[in-house]
C-alpha cells in the first residue's frame, strides 16, 4: 500500500518521452520538406531565407525537446518535474513559427 502524498507516475513519463520523440520526428520531416520546397522550381533568395529560418526553428525546437526527453529519462520514483513555462513557451512558439514558415513556402 502506498503512503499518502507519494506519487506513482507509472508509465506516464515514458509515454510523454515517446510523444516528444514523435514530435521531433514530425518536425524533422517538416524541415526536410521545407528544404525540398525551397529548392523545387529554382531557388530564390526569399525561399532560401525562409528555409533557413525553418531550419533554425527546427534546431531550437529540437534542443527544447531533447532537454525534456533527458529529464523524463532520468526521473526518480516521484515522477518528472513539470515542464518549465519558458521551455513550454519556446516549444510552442517554435512549432507555430515553423508552421508559418511552411505556409510561406507553399504560397
N, C-alpha and C. Protein backbone atom coordinates (compact mmCIF):
# COMPACT_ATOMS: atom_id res chain seq x y z
N UNK A 1 0.84 -1.16 0.00
CA UNK A 1 0.00 0.00 0.00
C UNK A 1 0.89 1.24 0.00
N UNK A 2 0.52 2.25 -0.78
CA UNK A 2 1.36 3.45 -0.85
C UNK A 2 0.95 4.47 0.20
N UNK A 3 1.93 5.25 0.60
CA UNK A 3 1.67 6.30 1.58
C UNK A 3 0.95 7.46 0.91
N UNK A 4 0.21 8.21 1.69
CA UNK A 4 -0.44 9.39 1.15
C UNK A 4 0.62 10.41 0.77
N UNK A 5 0.47 11.02 -0.39
CA UNK A 5 1.44 12.03 -0.84
C UNK A 5 2.53 11.47 -1.73
N UNK A 6 2.68 10.16 -1.82
CA UNK A 6 3.68 9.56 -2.70
C UNK A 6 3.00 9.32 -4.05
N UNK A 7 3.62 9.84 -5.08
CA UNK A 7 3.03 9.74 -6.41
C UNK A 7 3.65 8.58 -7.16
N UNK A 8 2.81 7.79 -7.81
CA UNK A 8 3.27 6.70 -8.66
C UNK A 8 2.98 7.09 -10.10
N UNK A 9 4.00 7.55 -10.85
CA UNK A 9 3.74 8.04 -12.20
C UNK A 9 3.46 6.93 -13.21
N UNK A 10 3.76 5.69 -12.86
CA UNK A 10 3.52 4.60 -13.80
C UNK A 10 4.33 4.78 -15.07
N UNK A 11 3.66 4.57 -16.19
CA UNK A 11 4.34 4.69 -17.48
C UNK A 11 4.18 6.06 -18.12
N UNK A 12 3.58 7.00 -17.42
CA UNK A 12 3.34 8.33 -17.98
C UNK A 12 4.62 9.00 -18.47
N UNK A 13 5.73 8.99 -17.72
CA UNK A 13 6.95 9.63 -18.24
C UNK A 13 7.45 9.00 -19.54
N UNK A 14 7.31 7.68 -19.65
CA UNK A 14 7.76 7.03 -20.88
C UNK A 14 6.87 7.41 -22.06
N UNK A 15 5.57 7.46 -21.85
CA UNK A 15 4.65 7.87 -22.92
C UNK A 15 4.94 9.30 -23.35
N UNK A 16 5.20 10.16 -22.39
CA UNK A 16 5.48 11.56 -22.70
C UNK A 16 6.81 11.68 -23.46
N UNK A 17 7.79 10.91 -23.05
CA UNK A 17 9.09 10.91 -23.74
C UNK A 17 8.92 10.46 -25.19
N UNK A 18 8.13 9.41 -25.40
CA UNK A 18 7.89 8.94 -26.76
C UNK A 18 7.12 9.97 -27.58
N UNK A 19 6.20 10.69 -26.95
CA UNK A 19 5.47 11.74 -27.65
C UNK A 19 6.40 12.86 -28.09
N UNK A 20 7.36 13.22 -27.24
CA UNK A 20 8.34 14.23 -27.63
C UNK A 20 9.18 13.74 -28.81
N UNK A 21 9.54 12.47 -28.79
CA UNK A 21 10.32 11.91 -29.91
C UNK A 21 9.52 11.94 -31.21
N UNK A 22 8.24 11.58 -31.14
CA UNK A 22 7.39 11.62 -32.34
C UNK A 22 7.27 13.05 -32.86
N UNK A 23 7.15 14.00 -31.96
CA UNK A 23 7.02 15.39 -32.36
C UNK A 23 8.29 15.90 -33.02
N UNK A 24 9.44 15.51 -32.49
CA UNK A 24 10.70 15.93 -33.13
C UNK A 24 10.85 15.27 -34.50
N UNK A 25 10.38 14.04 -34.63
CA UNK A 25 10.43 13.37 -35.93
C UNK A 25 9.55 14.10 -36.94
N UNK A 26 8.35 14.49 -36.54
CA UNK A 26 7.47 15.21 -37.47
C UNK A 26 8.05 16.59 -37.80
N UNK A 27 8.72 17.23 -36.85
CA UNK A 27 9.39 18.50 -37.13
C UNK A 27 10.53 18.32 -38.11
N UNK A 28 11.24 17.21 -37.99
CA UNK A 28 12.32 16.91 -38.93
C UNK A 28 11.78 16.74 -40.34
N UNK A 29 10.68 16.02 -40.46
CA UNK A 29 10.05 15.83 -41.78
C UNK A 29 9.62 17.18 -42.34
N UNK A 30 9.04 18.04 -41.51
CA UNK A 30 8.62 19.36 -41.97
C UNK A 30 9.81 20.19 -42.44
N UNK A 31 10.92 20.13 -41.73
CA UNK A 31 12.11 20.90 -42.12
C UNK A 31 12.69 20.37 -43.43
N UNK A 32 12.70 19.06 -43.60
CA UNK A 32 13.21 18.48 -44.85
C UNK A 32 12.30 18.86 -46.02
N UNK A 33 10.99 18.80 -45.80
CA UNK A 33 10.06 19.19 -46.86
C UNK A 33 10.17 20.69 -47.18
N UNK A 34 10.47 21.50 -46.18
CA UNK A 34 10.67 22.93 -46.42
C UNK A 34 11.89 23.14 -47.30
N UNK A 35 12.95 22.40 -47.04
CA UNK A 35 14.15 22.49 -47.88
C UNK A 35 13.88 22.03 -49.29
N UNK A 36 13.13 20.98 -49.42
CA UNK A 36 12.79 20.46 -50.75
C UNK A 36 11.94 21.48 -51.51
N UNK A 37 10.97 22.07 -50.82
CA UNK A 37 10.10 23.06 -51.45
C UNK A 37 10.88 24.30 -51.86
N UNK A 38 11.83 24.71 -51.02
CA UNK A 38 12.62 25.90 -51.34
C UNK A 38 13.48 25.69 -52.57
N UNK A 39 13.93 24.47 -52.80
CA UNK A 39 14.80 24.20 -53.94
C UNK A 39 14.04 23.76 -55.19
N UNK A 40 12.78 23.44 -55.04
CA UNK A 40 11.98 22.97 -56.18
C UNK A 40 11.62 24.16 -57.08
N UNK A 41 11.82 24.00 -58.37
CA UNK A 41 11.47 25.05 -59.32
C UNK A 41 12.46 26.19 -59.32
N UNK A 42 13.65 25.96 -58.88
CA UNK A 42 14.67 27.01 -58.87
C UNK A 42 14.64 27.80 -57.58
N UNK A 43 15.74 27.79 -56.87
CA UNK A 43 15.78 28.51 -55.59
C UNK A 43 15.80 30.02 -55.79
N UNK A 44 15.12 30.72 -54.92
CA UNK A 44 15.18 32.18 -54.90
C UNK A 44 15.72 32.59 -53.53
N UNK A 45 16.16 33.82 -53.43
CA UNK A 45 16.74 34.25 -52.16
C UNK A 45 15.70 34.27 -51.05
N UNK A 46 14.46 34.64 -51.36
CA UNK A 46 13.40 34.65 -50.34
C UNK A 46 13.10 33.24 -49.86
N UNK A 47 13.02 32.29 -50.78
CA UNK A 47 12.74 30.90 -50.39
C UNK A 47 13.87 30.31 -49.57
N UNK A 48 15.09 30.62 -49.94
CA UNK A 48 16.25 30.13 -49.19
C UNK A 48 16.24 30.73 -47.79
N UNK A 49 15.89 32.01 -47.66
CA UNK A 49 15.84 32.66 -46.34
C UNK A 49 14.78 32.02 -45.45
N UNK A 50 13.59 31.78 -46.02
CA UNK A 50 12.51 31.15 -45.25
C UNK A 50 12.91 29.73 -44.85
N UNK A 51 13.56 29.01 -45.76
CA UNK A 51 14.03 27.66 -45.45
C UNK A 51 15.07 27.69 -44.33
N UNK A 52 15.96 28.67 -44.36
CA UNK A 52 16.97 28.79 -43.31
C UNK A 52 16.31 29.08 -41.96
N UNK A 53 15.29 29.93 -41.95
CA UNK A 53 14.55 30.21 -40.72
C UNK A 53 13.87 28.95 -40.22
N UNK A 54 13.29 28.17 -41.14
CA UNK A 54 12.67 26.89 -40.75
C UNK A 54 13.68 25.97 -40.08
N UNK A 55 14.87 25.91 -40.64
CA UNK A 55 15.90 25.03 -40.07
C UNK A 55 16.35 25.51 -38.70
N UNK A 56 16.48 26.81 -38.53
CA UNK A 56 16.86 27.35 -37.21
C UNK A 56 15.78 27.06 -36.18
N UNK A 57 14.52 27.26 -36.58
CA UNK A 57 13.40 26.96 -35.67
C UNK A 57 13.38 25.48 -35.31
N UNK A 58 13.67 24.64 -36.28
CA UNK A 58 13.69 23.20 -36.02
C UNK A 58 14.78 22.84 -35.01
N UNK A 59 15.95 23.45 -35.17
CA UNK A 59 17.05 23.19 -34.23
C UNK A 59 16.69 23.67 -32.83
N UNK A 60 16.05 24.82 -32.73
CA UNK A 60 15.62 25.33 -31.42
C UNK A 60 14.60 24.39 -30.77
N UNK A 61 13.63 23.94 -31.55
CA UNK A 61 12.64 23.00 -31.02
C UNK A 61 13.31 21.70 -30.61
N UNK A 62 14.24 21.24 -31.42
CA UNK A 62 14.95 20.01 -31.11
C UNK A 62 15.72 20.13 -29.79
N UNK A 63 16.30 21.28 -29.54
CA UNK A 63 17.04 21.49 -28.29
C UNK A 63 16.10 21.43 -27.08
N UNK A 64 14.95 22.09 -27.18
CA UNK A 64 13.98 22.05 -26.08
C UNK A 64 13.48 20.62 -25.87
N UNK A 65 13.14 19.95 -26.96
CA UNK A 65 12.60 18.59 -26.85
C UNK A 65 13.65 17.63 -26.29
N UNK A 66 14.89 17.76 -26.73
CA UNK A 66 15.93 16.86 -26.23
C UNK A 66 16.17 17.06 -24.73
N UNK A 67 16.10 18.31 -24.32
CA UNK A 67 16.25 18.59 -22.87
C UNK A 67 15.13 17.92 -22.08
N UNK A 68 13.90 18.00 -22.61
CA UNK A 68 12.77 17.38 -21.91
C UNK A 68 12.87 15.86 -21.94
N UNK A 69 13.31 15.30 -23.04
CA UNK A 69 13.47 13.85 -23.15
C UNK A 69 14.48 13.35 -22.13
N UNK A 70 15.60 14.07 -21.99
CA UNK A 70 16.60 13.69 -20.99
C UNK A 70 16.04 13.78 -19.58
N UNK A 71 15.27 14.82 -19.31
CA UNK A 71 14.66 14.98 -17.99
C UNK A 71 13.70 13.83 -17.70
N UNK A 72 12.91 13.45 -18.68
CA UNK A 72 11.95 12.36 -18.48
C UNK A 72 12.64 11.02 -18.31
N UNK A 73 13.79 10.86 -18.96
CA UNK A 73 14.51 9.59 -18.87
C UNK A 73 15.22 9.41 -17.53
N UNK A 74 15.48 10.49 -16.83
CA UNK A 74 16.24 10.40 -15.57
C UNK A 74 15.37 10.74 -14.36
N UNK A 75 14.08 10.49 -14.44
CA UNK A 75 13.21 10.82 -13.32
C UNK A 75 13.30 9.76 -12.24
N UNK A 76 13.02 10.19 -11.04
CA UNK A 76 13.02 9.27 -9.91
C UNK A 76 11.65 8.65 -9.71
N UNK A 77 11.41 8.15 -8.49
CA UNK A 77 10.15 7.49 -8.18
C UNK A 77 8.97 8.45 -8.11
N UNK A 78 9.24 9.72 -7.84
CA UNK A 78 8.14 10.66 -7.70
C UNK A 78 7.75 11.31 -9.02
N UNK A 79 8.26 10.83 -10.14
CA UNK A 79 7.87 11.32 -11.45
C UNK A 79 8.69 12.52 -11.91
N UNK A 80 8.47 12.92 -13.14
CA UNK A 80 9.25 14.02 -13.69
C UNK A 80 8.77 15.37 -13.16
N UNK A 81 9.67 16.33 -13.11
CA UNK A 81 9.24 17.68 -12.73
C UNK A 81 8.41 18.28 -13.87
N UNK A 82 7.62 19.25 -13.53
CA UNK A 82 6.79 19.91 -14.54
C UNK A 82 7.68 20.63 -15.56
N UNK A 83 7.20 20.72 -16.77
CA UNK A 83 7.91 21.44 -17.82
C UNK A 83 7.90 22.92 -17.47
N UNK A 84 9.06 23.53 -17.50
CA UNK A 84 9.17 24.95 -17.17
C UNK A 84 8.38 25.78 -18.17
N UNK A 85 7.80 26.86 -17.68
CA UNK A 85 6.95 27.70 -18.53
C UNK A 85 7.74 28.26 -19.71
N UNK A 86 9.00 28.64 -19.49
CA UNK A 86 9.78 29.21 -20.60
C UNK A 86 10.08 28.15 -21.66
N UNK A 87 10.28 26.89 -21.25
CA UNK A 87 10.53 25.83 -22.22
C UNK A 87 9.25 25.49 -23.00
N UNK A 88 8.13 25.47 -22.30
CA UNK A 88 6.85 25.21 -22.97
C UNK A 88 6.54 26.32 -23.96
N UNK A 89 6.79 27.55 -23.56
CA UNK A 89 6.55 28.69 -24.45
C UNK A 89 7.48 28.63 -25.66
N UNK A 90 8.74 28.30 -25.44
CA UNK A 90 9.70 28.20 -26.55
C UNK A 90 9.29 27.11 -27.52
N UNK A 91 8.87 25.95 -27.01
CA UNK A 91 8.46 24.86 -27.88
C UNK A 91 7.22 25.25 -28.69
N UNK A 92 6.26 25.88 -28.04
CA UNK A 92 5.04 26.29 -28.74
C UNK A 92 5.33 27.35 -29.79
N UNK A 93 6.15 28.34 -29.45
CA UNK A 93 6.49 29.38 -30.42
C UNK A 93 7.27 28.82 -31.61
N UNK A 94 8.17 27.90 -31.36
CA UNK A 94 8.92 27.27 -32.46
C UNK A 94 7.98 26.49 -33.37
N UNK A 95 7.05 25.76 -32.79
CA UNK A 95 6.11 24.98 -33.60
C UNK A 95 5.22 25.89 -34.44
N UNK A 96 4.70 26.95 -33.85
CA UNK A 96 3.84 27.88 -34.59
C UNK A 96 4.64 28.60 -35.68
N UNK A 97 5.83 29.07 -35.35
CA UNK A 97 6.66 29.76 -36.33
C UNK A 97 7.07 28.83 -37.47
N UNK A 98 7.34 27.58 -37.15
CA UNK A 98 7.67 26.60 -38.19
C UNK A 98 6.48 26.39 -39.12
N UNK A 99 5.28 26.35 -38.58
CA UNK A 99 4.08 26.20 -39.40
C UNK A 99 3.89 27.43 -40.30
N UNK A 100 4.14 28.61 -39.77
CA UNK A 100 4.01 29.85 -40.56
C UNK A 100 5.04 29.84 -41.69
N UNK A 101 6.27 29.47 -41.39
CA UNK A 101 7.31 29.41 -42.43
C UNK A 101 6.95 28.39 -43.50
N UNK A 102 6.42 27.26 -43.08
CA UNK A 102 5.99 26.25 -44.06
C UNK A 102 4.89 26.78 -44.96
N UNK A 103 3.95 27.52 -44.36
CA UNK A 103 2.87 28.10 -45.16
C UNK A 103 3.42 29.13 -46.14
N UNK A 104 4.41 29.91 -45.72
CA UNK A 104 5.02 30.89 -46.62
C UNK A 104 5.71 30.21 -47.80
N UNK A 105 6.31 29.06 -47.57
CA UNK A 105 6.97 28.34 -48.65
C UNK A 105 5.98 27.78 -49.65
N UNK A 106 4.81 27.39 -49.17
CA UNK A 106 3.80 26.82 -50.04
C UNK A 106 3.17 27.90 -50.91
N UNK A 107 2.97 29.08 -50.32
CA UNK A 107 2.34 30.18 -51.09
C UNK A 107 3.27 30.73 -52.07
